[in-house]
Amino acid sequence: QVQLVESGGGLVQAGGSLRLSCEISGSMTNLEGIGWYRQIPQRSRELVARFSILGDPIFVDDVRGRFAIFKDNTKNSVDLQMDNLKPEDTAVYFCNRASGVLDAWGRGTQVTVSS
């Protein structure tokens, strides 16, 4: 069973940066299978960053060029570096498998970007 714990969120001004971390415990060995999602109130949870089958980062248009995704095999974590944040990035951010059967969701981490 895989457990996912997100951290690193907070309140930041527009143009600022945050780095989120997804710590993974349990039977999960392929960190490149993990992606980052976000949920804005009244909207569906959206996958915003993941790795391709070749390990290349893939992003949705809204965050491409501003977000980066990293895996750390020593910590068994997947980080999301978010730069040049915009108010529309305000959401609860979650990590989970990017495809297939998802694991139980963690609590997520709140990111709030003020204008």
Protein backbone atom coordinates (compact mmCIF):
# COMPACT_ATOMS: atom_id res chain seq x y z
CA GLN A 1 0.00 0.00 0.00
CA VAL A 2 1.33 3.41 -0.99
CA GLN A 3 1.05 6.46 1.22
CA LEU A 4 1.46 9.95 -0.20
CA VAL A 5 2.24 13.01 1.91
CA GLU A 6 2.36 16.43 0.33
CA SER A 7 4.08 19.42 1.91
CA GLY A 8 5.56 22.79 1.09
CA GLY A 9 2.51 24.87 0.34
CA GLY A 10 1.89 28.31 1.70
CA LEU A 11 0.96 31.89 0.96
CA VAL A 12 3.09 33.72 -1.58
CA GLN A 13 2.80 36.89 -3.60
CA ALA A 14 2.37 36.79 -7.34
CA GLY A 15 5.74 36.25 -9.00
CA GLY A 16 7.05 34.26 -6.06
CA SER A 17 8.14 30.65 -5.81
CA LEU A 18 7.33 27.55 -3.82
CA ARG A 19 8.67 24.03 -3.85
CA LEU A 20 6.27 21.25 -3.01
CA SER A 21 7.36 17.82 -1.93
CA CYS A 22 5.57 14.49 -2.25
CA GLU A 23 6.94 11.87 0.10
CA ILE A 24 6.07 8.36 -0.95
CA SER A 25 6.10 5.35 1.33
CA GLY A 26 5.06 1.79 0.71
CA SER A 27 5.32 -0.34 -2.40
CA MET A 28 6.13 2.36 -4.93
CA THR A 29 9.45 2.01 -6.69
CA ASN A 30 8.90 3.92 -9.92
CA LEU A 31 8.93 7.58 -8.95
CA GLU A 32 8.44 8.58 -12.56
CA GLY A 33 4.93 7.21 -12.26
CA ILE A 34 4.02 10.01 -9.86
CA GLY A 35 2.45 13.25 -11.01
CA TRP A 36 1.23 16.44 -9.39
CA TYR A 37 -2.41 17.44 -9.46
CA ARG A 38 -4.23 20.53 -8.29
CA GLN A 39 -7.79 21.24 -7.36
CA ILE A 40 -9.37 24.64 -7.56
CA PRO A 41 -12.71 25.06 -5.75
CA GLN A 42 -15.69 24.07 -7.90
CA ARG A 43 -13.39 22.48 -10.46
CA SER A 44 -12.17 18.95 -11.10
CA ARG A 45 -8.77 17.83 -9.93
CA GLU A 46 -6.29 18.40 -12.75
CA LEU A 47 -3.00 16.66 -13.49
CA VAL A 48 -0.55 19.51 -14.08
CA ALA A 49 2.86 17.83 -14.10
CA ARG A 50 4.13 14.32 -14.69
CA PHE A 51 6.89 12.34 -16.37
CA SER A 52 6.64 10.79 -19.79
CA ILE A 53 7.36 7.11 -20.34
CA LEU A 54 10.91 8.17 -21.19
CA GLY A 55 11.22 10.20 -18.00
CA ASP A 56 10.82 13.62 -19.59
CA PRO A 57 8.71 16.16 -17.72
CA ILE A 58 5.29 17.00 -19.15
CA PHE A 59 3.17 19.96 -18.09
CA VAL A 60 -0.19 21.42 -18.91
CA ASP A 61 -0.10 24.64 -20.89
CA ASP A 62 -1.03 26.80 -17.89
CA VAL A 63 2.15 25.96 -15.99
CA ARG A 64 4.67 25.08 -18.70
CA GLY A 65 7.76 27.22 -18.40
CA ARG A 66 7.03 28.09 -14.77
CA PHE A 67 6.86 24.69 -13.05
CA ALA A 68 9.44 21.91 -12.90
CA ILE A 69 9.15 18.37 -11.57
CA PHE A 70 11.98 16.45 -9.96
CA LYS A 71 12.37 12.99 -8.48
CA ASP A 72 14.69 12.24 -5.59
CA ASN A 73 15.44 8.55 -5.27
CA THR A 74 17.33 9.05 -2.00
CA LYS A 75 14.30 10.60 -0.30
CA ASN A 76 11.74 8.64 -2.32
CA SER A 77 10.01 11.87 -3.18
CA VAL A 78 8.83 13.84 -6.16
CA ASP A 79 9.08 17.63 -5.91
CA LEU A 80 7.25 20.34 -7.80
CA GLN A 81 9.17 23.59 -8.17
CA MET A 82 6.80 26.45 -8.93
CA ASP A 83 8.18 29.78 -10.09
CA ASN A 84 6.54 33.00 -11.24
CA LEU A 85 3.37 32.01 -9.45
CA LYS A 86 0.09 33.59 -10.46
CA PRO A 87 -3.13 34.06 -8.49
CA GLU A 88 -4.77 31.47 -10.73
CA ASP A 89 -2.31 28.88 -9.41
CA THR A 90 -4.13 29.06 -6.09
CA ALA A 91 -5.31 25.53 -5.35
CA VAL A 92 -4.77 22.49 -3.20
CA TYR A 93 -1.95 20.46 -4.70
CA PHE A 94 -1.85 16.66 -4.52
CA CYS A 95 0.44 13.95 -5.80
CA ASN A 96 -0.59 10.53 -7.02
CA ARG A 97 0.07 8.11 -9.82
CA ALA A 98 -0.19 9.86 -13.16
CA SER A 99 -1.92 6.91 -14.80
CA GLY A 100 -3.61 3.65 -14.00
CA VAL A 101 -5.30 2.90 -10.71
CA LEU A 102 -4.68 5.75 -8.31
CA ASP A 103 -3.62 5.31 -4.72
CA ALA A 104 -5.48 6.84 -1.83
CA TRP A 105 -5.20 10.60 -1.95
CA GLY A 106 -3.17 12.43 0.62
CA ARG A 107 -4.40 15.57 2.33
CA GLY A 108 -2.74 17.80 -0.22
CA THR A 109 -0.99 21.08 0.43
CA GLN A 110 -2.63 24.48 0.01
CA VAL A 111 -0.98 27.02 -2.26
CA THR A 112 -2.35 30.54 -2.14
CA VAL A 113 -1.00 33.22 -4.45
CA SER A 114 -1.95 36.80 -3.67
CA SER A 115 -2.08 39.48 -6.31
